Protein backbone atom coordinates (compact mmCIF):
# COMPACT_ATOMS: atom_id res chain seq x y z
CA UNK A 1 74.05 94.18 135.06
CA UNK A 2 74.11 94.22 138.88
CA UNK A 3 76.13 96.42 141.15
CA UNK A 4 77.04 95.04 144.63
CA UNK A 5 78.99 96.19 147.45
CA UNK A 6 81.67 94.26 149.36
CA UNK A 7 81.80 93.92 153.00
CA UNK A 8 84.82 96.43 152.84
CA UNK A 9 82.35 98.91 151.01
CA UNK A 10 83.99 98.55 147.58
CA UNK A 11 81.58 98.41 144.64
CA UNK A 12 81.84 95.63 142.28
CA UNK A 13 79.90 94.85 139.12
CA UNK A 14 78.42 91.44 138.17
CA UNK A 15 78.25 91.44 134.53
CA UNK A 16 75.83 88.53 134.22
CA UNK A 17 75.79 85.61 131.88
CA UNK A 18 78.57 86.95 129.63
CA UNK A 19 80.93 86.03 132.50
CA UNK A 20 80.22 82.37 131.75
CA UNK A 21 80.75 82.55 127.87
CA UNK A 22 83.67 81.08 126.34
CA UNK A 23 84.90 80.63 122.63
CA UNK A 24 83.54 77.72 120.90
CA UNK A 25 80.12 77.79 122.64
CA UNK A 26 77.12 77.19 120.53
CA UNK A 27 74.79 80.26 120.37
CA UNK A 28 70.95 79.67 119.99
CA UNK A 29 68.41 82.51 119.55
CA UNK A 30 65.02 83.02 121.47
CA UNK A 31 63.27 80.90 118.77
CA UNK A 32 65.65 77.89 119.13
CA UNK A 33 67.52 78.22 115.96
CA UNK A 34 71.24 77.99 116.05
CA UNK A 35 72.99 81.09 115.12
CA UNK A 36 76.55 79.92 115.21
CA UNK A 37 79.49 79.51 117.56
CA UNK A 38 81.35 82.12 119.78
CA UNK A 39 84.34 83.30 118.02
CA UNK A 40 85.36 85.94 120.45
CA UNK A 41 84.18 88.19 123.40
CA UNK A 42 84.83 91.43 124.95
CA UNK A 43 83.78 92.69 128.45
CA UNK A 44 82.11 96.07 128.35
CA UNK A 45 83.16 99.46 129.81
CA UNK A 46 79.88 101.01 130.83
CA UNK A 47 81.67 104.31 131.58
CA UNK A 48 82.71 104.60 128.02
CA UNK A 49 80.71 107.53 126.48
CA UNK A 50 82.24 107.09 123.14
CA UNK A 51 84.33 104.86 121.31
CA UNK A 52 87.41 107.24 121.51
CA UNK A 53 90.58 105.60 122.54
CA UNK A 54 89.74 102.50 120.48
CA UNK A 55 90.52 104.34 117.25
CA UNK A 56 93.28 103.10 115.07
CA UNK A 57 96.41 105.32 115.33
CA UNK A 58 97.56 107.10 112.05
CA UNK A 59 100.27 104.80 110.61
CA UNK A 60 101.18 106.97 107.56
CA UNK A 61 101.27 105.82 104.00
CA UNK A 62 102.14 102.09 104.77
CA UNK A 63 99.45 101.76 107.29
CA UNK A 64 97.01 103.49 104.95
CA UNK A 65 98.04 100.94 102.09
CA UNK A 66 97.88 97.98 104.45
CA UNK A 67 94.17 99.22 105.73
CA UNK A 68 93.24 99.57 101.88
CA UNK A 69 94.44 96.09 101.22
CA UNK A 70 93.58 94.01 104.31
CA UNK A 71 90.76 96.11 105.57
CA UNK A 72 90.12 97.70 108.94
CA UNK A 73 90.62 95.15 111.74
CA UNK A 74 88.93 96.98 114.59
CA UNK A 75 86.36 95.15 116.68
CA UNK A 76 83.46 95.20 116.56
CA UNK A 77 83.35 95.83 112.81
CA UNK A 78 80.04 97.38 112.79
CA UNK A 79 78.81 101.15 112.05
CA UNK A 80 79.53 103.85 114.65
CA UNK A 81 76.55 104.03 117.05
CA UNK A 82 76.28 100.13 116.98
CA UNK A 83 79.95 99.96 117.58
CA UNK A 84 79.99 102.45 120.64
CA UNK A 85 76.89 100.37 122.29
CA UNK A 86 78.83 97.23 121.98
CA UNK A 87 81.92 98.58 123.46
CA UNK A 88 79.99 100.09 126.37
CA UNK A 89 77.75 96.94 127.11
CA UNK A 90 80.28 94.20 126.10
CA UNK A 91 79.69 91.72 123.40
CA UNK A 92 80.19 88.20 121.86
CA UNK A 93 81.03 87.72 118.27
CA UNK A 94 79.38 84.78 116.58
CA UNK A 95 80.85 82.95 113.60
CA UNK A 96 77.66 82.27 111.72
CA UNK A 97 77.52 79.01 109.57
CA UNK A 98 77.39 79.40 105.86
CA UNK A 99 79.65 80.02 103.26
CA UNK A 100 78.76 83.03 100.96
CA UNK A 101 75.75 84.71 102.41
CA UNK A 102 76.14 84.61 106.15
CA UNK A 103 78.30 87.09 108.09
CA UNK A 104 79.47 87.15 111.45
CA UNK A 105 77.05 88.69 114.11
CA UNK A 106 77.54 90.59 117.44
CA UNK A 107 75.51 90.12 120.43
CA UNK A 108 75.46 92.86 123.10
CA UNK A 109 75.81 91.49 126.56
CA UNK A 110 72.32 92.44 127.67
CA UNK A 111 70.74 90.42 124.88
CA UNK A 112 72.22 87.12 126.45
CA UNK A 113 69.43 85.37 128.32
CA UNK A 114 71.48 82.47 129.82
CA UNK A 115 74.37 80.14 129.53
CA UNK A 116 73.72 76.40 130.10
CA UNK A 117 76.48 74.04 129.70
CA UNK A 118 78.22 74.78 126.15
CA UNK A 119 75.30 76.92 125.00
CA UNK A 120 74.48 80.48 125.15
CA UNK A 121 70.88 81.32 124.89
CA UNK A 122 69.71 84.77 123.47
CA UNK A 123 66.76 86.95 124.26
CA UNK A 124 66.26 87.73 120.71
CA UNK A 125 65.81 86.15 117.40
CA UNK A 126 68.87 86.11 115.18
CA UNK A 127 67.47 88.58 112.59
CA UNK A 128 67.65 91.25 115.40
CA UNK A 129 71.41 90.81 115.84
CA UNK A 130 74.11 93.38 114.39
CA UNK A 131 76.00 92.03 111.42
CA UNK A 132 79.53 92.57 110.56
CA UNK A 133 79.94 95.43 108.16
């Protein structure tokens, strides 16, 4: 992430390669293996100290029942510390190929090496990526 200052003295942030990522792009890991396709993305909030404010509101008995039946739809769907990191840095969600054993994966923005055409290249192998809970 790069911080720059405009001619008027305003501070702006260049988010890096994540700015060029779009849904449907192919994602390749650092070893050249295909990880999947970009299913979604979220720009980060580097000032976020926690995930507070991103919590679901208490919706009473009906909301609790819906959550029990359909699950918690918060993104990213990962455990606490990993979730907080992804919210701060920004992330892409990857729809991994496979039917039963592959789960979606999340890539923090700082693990994106480059974007070339319709391909996102990662700095790490796919086994180091955070998997959906």
